[in-house]
Amino acid sequence: MGIIPLISDIRLTPVVTHYDYGYANLRLYKFSDYTPELAAAHGVQQYGTFSCDYIINVLKGAVDERYPVLP
């Protein structure tokens, strides 16, 4: 059995799957390129509130703080 290498400097690049009303025009954005205007136009708005702050809160709750995810 060999030595298992240590993985370090782990980074996560969050992406947003964005679509218009009716699931039209699906596209991906790096979160660092995603704007509040895009979030306000996201098709998911028909089901509830969605914003860049919402995304940040989800990331903070889902990703260990040891792994930087936000620009």
PDB file of N, CA and C in Angstrom:
ATOM      1  N   MET A   1       0.842  -1.173   0.000  1.00  0.00           N
ATOM      2  CA  MET A   1       0.000   0.000   0.000  1.00  0.00           C
ATOM      3  C   MET A   1       0.890   1.239   0.000  1.00  0.00           C
ATOM      4  N   GLY A   2       0.617   2.166  -0.916  1.00  0.00           N
ATOM      5  CA  GLY A   2       1.416   3.373  -1.021  1.00  0.00           C
ATOM      6  C   GLY A   2       0.904   4.471  -0.105  1.00  0.00           C
ATOM      7  N   ILE A   3       1.637   5.546  -0.118  1.00  0.00           N
ATOM      8  CA  ILE A   3       1.258   6.722   0.671  1.00  0.00           C
ATOM      9  C   ILE A   3       0.182   7.491  -0.084  1.00  0.00           C
ATOM     10  N   ILE A   4      -0.857   7.859   0.613  1.00  0.00           N
ATOM     11  CA  ILE A   4      -1.938   8.647   0.015  1.00  0.00           C
ATOM     12  C   ILE A   4      -1.531  10.115   0.065  1.00  0.00           C
ATOM     13  N   PRO A   5      -1.515  10.793  -1.087  1.00  0.00           N
ATOM     14  CA  PRO A   5      -1.101  12.200  -1.093  1.00  0.00           C
ATOM     15  C   PRO A   5      -2.123  13.073  -0.365  1.00  0.00           C
ATOM     16  N   LEU A   6      -1.633  14.119   0.260  1.00  0.00           N
ATOM     17  CA  LEU A   6      -2.481  15.061   0.963  1.00  0.00           C
ATOM     18  C   LEU A   6      -3.032  16.066  -0.032  1.00  0.00           C
ATOM     19  N   ILE A   7      -4.321  16.243  -0.002  1.00  0.00           N
ATOM     20  CA  ILE A   7      -4.958  17.235  -0.867  1.00  0.00           C
ATOM     21  C   ILE A   7      -5.044  18.527  -0.070  1.00  0.00           C
ATOM     22  N   SER A   8      -4.547  19.602  -0.655  1.00  0.00           N
ATOM     23  CA  SER A   8      -4.563  20.877   0.058  1.00  0.00           C
ATOM     24  C   SER A   8      -5.019  21.989  -0.881  1.00  0.00           C
ATOM     25  N   ASP A   9      -5.251  23.133  -0.312  1.00  0.00           N
ATOM     26  CA  ASP A   9      -5.670  24.318  -1.059  1.00  0.00           C
ATOM     27  C   ASP A   9      -6.911  24.038  -1.902  1.00  0.00           C
ATOM     28  N   ILE A  10      -7.899  23.428  -1.277  1.00  0.00           N
ATOM     29  CA  ILE A  10      -9.146  23.098  -1.955  1.00  0.00           C
ATOM     30  C   ILE A  10      -9.938  24.383  -2.175  1.00  0.00           C
ATOM     31  N   ARG A  11     -10.460  24.535  -3.364  1.00  0.00           N
ATOM     32  CA  ARG A  11     -11.273  25.697  -3.721  1.00  0.00           C
ATOM     33  C   ARG A  11     -12.550  25.217  -4.392  1.00  0.00           C
ATOM     34  N   LEU A  12     -13.573  26.014  -4.261  1.00  0.00           N
ATOM     35  CA  LEU A  12     -14.849  25.731  -4.899  1.00  0.00           C
ATOM     36  C   LEU A  12     -15.241  26.943  -5.717  1.00  0.00           C
ATOM     37  N   THR A  13     -15.634  26.724  -6.942  1.00  0.00           N
ATOM     38  CA  THR A  13     -16.138  27.804  -7.779  1.00  0.00           C
ATOM     39  C   THR A  13     -17.640  27.594  -7.938  1.00  0.00           C
ATOM     40  N   PRO A  14     -18.439  28.333  -7.172  1.00  0.00           N
ATOM     41  CA  PRO A  14     -19.886  28.152  -7.267  1.00  0.00           C
ATOM     42  C   PRO A  14     -20.419  28.642  -8.605  1.00  0.00           C
ATOM     43  N   VAL A  15     -21.391  27.930  -9.123  1.00  0.00           N
ATOM     44  CA  VAL A  15     -22.072  28.340 -10.346  1.00  0.00           C
ATOM     45  C   VAL A  15     -23.564  28.425 -10.077  1.00  0.00           C
ATOM     46  N   VAL A  16     -24.226  29.264 -10.842  1.00  0.00           N
ATOM     47  CA  VAL A  16     -25.681  29.422 -10.747  1.00  0.00           C
ATOM     48  C   VAL A  16     -26.284  28.927 -12.055  1.00  0.00           C
ATOM     49  N   THR A  17     -27.245  28.027 -11.954  1.00  0.00           N
ATOM     50  CA  THR A  17     -28.013  27.613 -13.117  1.00  0.00           C
ATOM     51  C   THR A  17     -29.164  28.602 -13.240  1.00  0.00           C
ATOM     52  N   HIS A  18     -29.109  29.412 -14.261  1.00  0.00           N
ATOM     53  CA  HIS A  18     -30.091  30.487 -14.435  1.00  0.00           C
ATOM     54  C   HIS A  18     -31.017  30.140 -15.591  1.00  0.00           C
ATOM     55  N   TYR A  19     -32.285  30.448 -15.415  1.00  0.00           N
ATOM     56  CA  TYR A  19     -33.245  30.280 -16.506  1.00  0.00           C
ATOM     57  C   TYR A  19     -34.305  31.356 -16.382  1.00  0.00           C
ATOM     58  N   ASP A  20     -34.967  31.609 -17.499  1.00  0.00           N
ATOM     59  CA  ASP A  20     -36.051  32.579 -17.518  1.00  0.00           C
ATOM     60  C   ASP A  20     -37.356  31.887 -17.130  1.00  0.00           C
ATOM     61  N   TYR A  21     -38.414  32.642 -17.048  1.00  0.00           N
ATOM     62  CA  TYR A  21     -39.732  32.089 -16.729  1.00  0.00           C
ATOM     63  C   TYR A  21     -40.037  30.922 -17.673  1.00  0.00           C
ATOM     64  N   GLY A  22     -40.597  29.862 -17.127  1.00  0.00           N
ATOM     65  CA  GLY A  22     -40.947  28.688 -17.923  1.00  0.00           C
ATOM     66  C   GLY A  22     -39.755  27.812 -18.261  1.00  0.00           C
ATOM     67  N   TYR A  23     -38.677  27.948 -17.506  1.00  0.00           N
ATOM     68  CA  TYR A  23     -37.443  27.165 -17.702  1.00  0.00           C
ATOM     69  C   TYR A  23     -36.816  27.409 -19.086  1.00  0.00           C
ATOM     70  N   ALA A  24     -37.041  28.583 -19.643  1.00  0.00           N
ATOM     71  CA  ALA A  24     -36.486  28.923 -20.955  1.00  0.00           C
ATOM     72  C   ALA A  24     -35.087  29.521 -20.809  1.00  0.00           C
ATOM     73  N   ASN A  25     -34.282  29.379 -21.852  1.00  0.00           N
ATOM     74  CA  ASN A  25     -32.955  30.002 -21.930  1.00  0.00           C
ATOM     75  C   ASN A  25     -32.030  29.608 -20.773  1.00  0.00           C
ATOM     76  N   LEU A  26     -31.913  28.342 -20.532  1.00  0.00           N
ATOM     77  CA  LEU A  26     -31.049  27.837 -19.458  1.00  0.00           C
ATOM     78  C   LEU A  26     -29.592  28.184 -19.749  1.00  0.00           C
ATOM     79  N   ARG A  27     -28.886  28.716 -18.734  1.00  0.00           N
ATOM     80  CA  ARG A  27     -27.467  29.013 -18.865  1.00  0.00           C
ATOM     81  C   ARG A  27     -26.793  28.966 -17.499  1.00  0.00           C
ATOM     82  N   LEU A  28     -25.475  28.822 -17.515  1.00  0.00           N
ATOM     83  CA  LEU A  28     -24.688  28.766 -16.289  1.00  0.00           C
ATOM     84  C   LEU A  28     -23.850  30.026 -16.152  1.00  0.00           C
ATOM     85  N   TYR A  29     -23.741  30.507 -14.912  1.00  0.00           N
ATOM     86  CA  TYR A  29     -22.892  31.651 -14.587  1.00  0.00           C
ATOM     87  C   TYR A  29     -22.017  31.284 -13.401  1.00  0.00           C
ATOM     88  N   LYS A  30     -20.749  31.670 -13.457  1.00  0.00           N
ATOM     89  CA  LYS A  30     -19.961  31.617 -12.229  1.00  0.00           C
ATOM     90  C   LYS A  30     -20.611  32.610 -11.269  1.00  0.00           C
ATOM     91  N   PHE A  31     -20.691  32.251  -9.994  1.00  0.00           N
ATOM     92  CA  PHE A  31     -21.342  33.157  -9.046  1.00  0.00           C
ATOM     93  C   PHE A  31     -20.658  34.520  -9.019  1.00  0.00           C
ATOM     94  N   SER A  32     -19.352  34.542  -9.209  1.00  0.00           N
ATOM     95  CA  SER A  32     -18.626  35.815  -9.203  1.00  0.00           C
ATOM     96  C   SER A  32     -19.063  36.729 -10.352  1.00  0.00           C
ATOM     97  N   ASP A  33     -19.671  36.173 -11.394  1.00  0.00           N
ATOM     98  CA  ASP A  33     -20.172  36.960 -12.527  1.00  0.00           C
ATOM     99  C   ASP A  33     -21.677  37.209 -12.453  1.00  0.00           C
ATOM    100  N   TYR A  34     -22.323  36.629 -11.466  1.00  0.00           N
ATOM    101  CA  TYR A  34     -23.788  36.719 -11.348  1.00  0.00           C
ATOM    102  C   TYR A  34     -24.162  38.035 -10.670  1.00  0.00           C
ATOM    103  N   THR A  35     -25.166  38.713 -11.200  1.00  0.00           N
ATOM    104  CA  THR A  35     -25.531  40.033 -10.690  1.00  0.00           C
ATOM    105  C   THR A  35     -26.885  40.001  -9.993  1.00  0.00           C
ATOM    106  N   PRO A  36     -27.156  40.985  -9.138  1.00  0.00           N
ATOM    107  CA  PRO A  36     -28.485  41.089  -8.528  1.00  0.00           C
ATOM    108  C   PRO A  36     -29.591  41.234  -9.578  1.00  0.00           C
ATOM    109  N   GLU A  37     -29.281  41.866 -10.694  1.00  0.00           N
ATOM    110  CA  GLU A  37     -30.276  42.020 -11.762  1.00  0.00           C
ATOM    111  C   GLU A  37     -30.633  40.672 -12.382  1.00  0.00           C
ATOM    112  N   LEU A  38     -29.625  39.821 -12.580  1.00  0.00           N
ATOM    113  CA  LEU A  38     -29.905  38.472 -13.078  1.00  0.00           C
ATOM    114  C   LEU A  38     -30.748  37.686 -12.081  1.00  0.00           C
ATOM    115  N   ALA A  39     -30.376  37.773 -10.808  1.00  0.00           N
ATOM    116  CA  ALA A  39     -31.135  37.051  -9.777  1.00  0.00           C
ATOM    117  C   ALA A  39     -32.593  37.503  -9.761  1.00  0.00           C
ATOM    118  N   ALA A  40     -32.828  38.802  -9.932  1.00  0.00           N
ATOM    119  CA  ALA A  40     -34.195  39.334  -9.923  1.00  0.00           C
ATOM    120  C   ALA A  40     -34.997  38.839 -11.129  1.00  0.00           C
ATOM    121  N   ALA A  41     -34.312  38.484 -12.215  1.00  0.00           N
ATOM    122  CA  ALA A  41     -34.978  38.019 -13.427  1.00  0.00           C
ATOM    123  C   ALA A  41     -35.035  36.490 -13.521  1.00  0.00           C
ATOM    124  N   HIS A  42     -34.501  35.782 -12.518  1.00  0.00           N
ATOM    125  CA  HIS A  42     -34.461  34.311 -12.544  1.00  0.00           C
ATOM    126  C   HIS A  42     -35.882  33.757 -12.544  1.00  0.00           C
ATOM    127  N   GLY A  43     -36.101  32.716 -13.335  1.00  0.00           N
ATOM    128  CA  GLY A  43     -37.419  32.093 -13.425  1.00  0.00           C
ATOM    129  C   GLY A  43     -37.930  31.514 -12.128  1.00  0.00           C
ATOM    130  N   VAL A  44     -37.038  31.227 -11.190  1.00  0.00           N
ATOM    131  CA  VAL A  44     -37.451  30.667  -9.900  1.00  0.00           C
ATOM    132  C   VAL A  44     -38.227  31.695  -9.070  1.00  0.00           C
ATOM    133  N   GLN A  45     -38.155  32.945  -9.446  1.00  0.00           N
ATOM    134  CA  GLN A  45     -38.882  33.999  -8.711  1.00  0.00           C
ATOM    135  C   GLN A  45     -40.379  33.697  -8.634  1.00  0.00           C
ATOM    136  N   GLN A  46     -40.904  32.935  -9.591  1.00  0.00           N
ATOM    137  CA  GLN A  46     -42.328  32.592  -9.565  1.00  0.00           C
ATOM    138  C   GLN A  46     -42.687  31.706  -8.370  1.00  0.00           C
ATOM    139  N   TYR A  47     -41.682  31.097  -7.746  1.00  0.00           N
ATOM    140  CA  TYR A  47     -41.919  30.206  -6.609  1.00  0.00           C
ATOM    141  C   TYR A  47     -41.535  30.812  -5.270  1.00  0.00           C
ATOM    142  N   GLY A  48     -40.854  31.952  -5.286  1.00  0.00           N
ATOM    143  CA  GLY A  48     -40.426  32.571  -4.039  1.00  0.00           C
ATOM    144  C   GLY A  48     -39.297  33.542  -4.291  1.00  0.00           C
ATOM    145  N   THR A  49     -38.793  34.093  -3.229  1.00  0.00           N
ATOM    146  CA  THR A  49     -37.741  35.094  -3.327  1.00  0.00           C
ATOM    147  C   THR A  49     -36.392  34.439  -3.607  1.00  0.00           C
ATOM    148  N   PHE A  50     -35.647  35.031  -4.523  1.00  0.00           N
ATOM    149  CA  PHE A  50     -34.325  34.533  -4.904  1.00  0.00           C
ATOM    150  C   PHE A  50     -33.427  35.741  -5.115  1.00  0.00           C
ATOM    151  N   SER A  51     -32.222  35.688  -4.559  1.00  0.00           N
ATOM    152  CA  SER A  51     -31.307  36.820  -4.671  1.00  0.00           C
ATOM    153  C   SER A  51     -29.872  36.335  -4.497  1.00  0.00           C
ATOM    154  N   CYS A  52     -28.924  37.222  -4.740  1.00  0.00           N
ATOM    155  CA  CYS A  52     -27.513  36.884  -4.505  1.00  0.00           C
ATOM    156  C   CYS A  52     -27.283  36.622  -3.017  1.00  0.00           C
ATOM    157  N   ASP A  53     -27.948  37.364  -2.146  1.00  0.00           N
ATOM    158  CA  ASP A  53     -27.817  37.120  -0.703  1.00  0.00           C
ATOM    159  C   ASP A  53     -28.320  35.720  -0.337  1.00  0.00           C
ATOM    160  N   TYR A  54     -29.397  35.285  -0.974  1.00  0.00           N
ATOM    161  CA  TYR A  54     -29.909  33.941  -0.742  1.00  0.00           C
ATOM    162  C   TYR A  54     -28.843  32.903  -1.110  1.00  0.00           C
ATOM    163  N   ILE A  55     -28.198  33.084  -2.266  1.00  0.00           N
ATOM    164  CA  ILE A  55     -27.161  32.156  -2.711  1.00  0.00           C
ATOM    165  C   ILE A  55     -26.007  32.126  -1.710  1.00  0.00           C
ATOM    166  N   ILE A  56     -25.579  33.289  -1.250  1.00  0.00           N
ATOM    167  CA  ILE A  56     -24.492  33.373  -0.275  1.00  0.00           C
ATOM    168  C   ILE A  56     -24.858  32.623   1.000  1.00  0.00           C
ATOM    169  N   ASN A  57     -26.080  32.788   1.479  1.00  0.00           N
ATOM    170  CA  ASN A  57     -26.518  32.089   2.693  1.00  0.00           C
ATOM    171  C   ASN A  57     -26.539  30.577   2.495  1.00  0.00           C
ATOM    172  N   VAL A  58     -26.960  30.121   1.324  1.00  0.00           N
ATOM    173  CA  VAL A  58     -26.951  28.685   1.041  1.00  0.00           C
ATOM    174  C   VAL A  58     -25.516  28.168   1.042  1.00  0.00           C
ATOM    175  N   LEU A  59     -24.612  28.902   0.395  1.00  0.00           N
ATOM    176  CA  LEU A  59     -23.211  28.479   0.370  1.00  0.00           C
ATOM    177  C   LEU A  59     -22.606  28.429   1.764  1.00  0.00           C
ATOM    178  N   LYS A  60     -22.888  29.446   2.566  1.00  0.00           N
ATOM    179  CA  LYS A  60     -22.346  29.468   3.928  1.00  0.00           C
ATOM    180  C   LYS A  60     -22.865  28.302   4.757  1.00  0.00           C
ATOM    181  N   GLY A  61     -24.086  27.890   4.515  1.00  0.00           N
ATOM    182  CA  GLY A  61     -24.662  26.781   5.262  1.00  0.00           C
ATOM    183  C   GLY A  61     -24.251  25.415   4.751  1.00  0.00           C
ATOM    184  N   ALA A  62     -23.813  25.345   3.490  1.00  0.00           N
ATOM    185  CA  ALA A  62     -23.530  24.054   2.878  1.00  0.00           C
ATOM    186  C   ALA A  62     -22.043  23.733   2.738  1.00  0.00           C
ATOM    187  N   VAL A  63     -21.196  24.751   2.727  1.00  0.00           N
ATOM    188  CA  VAL A  63     -19.771  24.543   2.476  1.00  0.00           C
ATOM    189  C   VAL A  63     -18.980  24.895   3.734  1.00  0.00           C
ATOM    190  N   ASP A  64     -18.129  23.983   4.150  1.00  0.00           N
ATOM    191  CA  ASP A  64     -17.298  24.208   5.325  1.00  0.00           C
ATOM    192  C   ASP A  64     -16.493  25.489   5.160  1.00  0.00           C
ATOM    193  N   GLU A  65     -16.406  26.279   6.218  1.00  0.00           N
ATOM    194  CA  GLU A  65     -15.721  27.575   6.163  1.00  0.00           C
ATOM    195  C   GLU A  65     -14.233  27.463   5.834  1.00  0.00           C
ATOM    196  N   ARG A  66     -13.664  26.278   5.933  1.00  0.00           N
ATOM    197  CA  ARG A  66     -12.246  26.097   5.586  1.00  0.00           C
ATOM    198  C   ARG A  66     -12.009  26.190   4.081  1.00  0.00           C
ATOM    199  N   TYR A  67     -13.077  26.084   3.295  1.00  0.00           N
ATOM    200  CA  TYR A  67     -12.945  26.095   1.850  1.00  0.00           C
ATOM    201  C   TYR A  67     -13.504  27.392   1.280  1.00  0.00           C
ATOM    202  N   PRO A  68     -12.636  28.312   0.933  1.00  0.00           N
ATOM    203  CA  PRO A  68     -13.098  29.602   0.403  1.00  0.00           C
ATOM    204  C   PRO A  68     -13.930  29.405  -0.861  1.00  0.00           C
ATOM    205  N   VAL A  69     -15.080  30.080  -0.912  1.00  0.00           N
ATOM    206  CA  VAL A  69     -15.946  29.918  -2.071  1.00  0.00           C
ATOM    207  C   VAL A  69     -16.372  31.250  -2.681  1.00  0.00           C
ATOM    208  N   LEU A  70     -16.215  32.318  -1.959  1.00  0.00           N
ATOM    209  CA  LEU A  70     -16.707  33.585  -2.457  1.00  0.00           C
ATOM    210  C   LEU A  70     -15.552  34.495  -2.846  1.00  0.00           C
ATOM    211  N   PRO A  71     -15.782  35.291  -3.897  1.00  0.00           N
ATOM    212  CA  PRO A  71     -14.703  36.202  -4.332  1.00  0.00           C
ATOM    213  C   PRO A  71     -14.388  37.242  -3.280  1.00  0.00           C
TER     214      PRO A  71
END
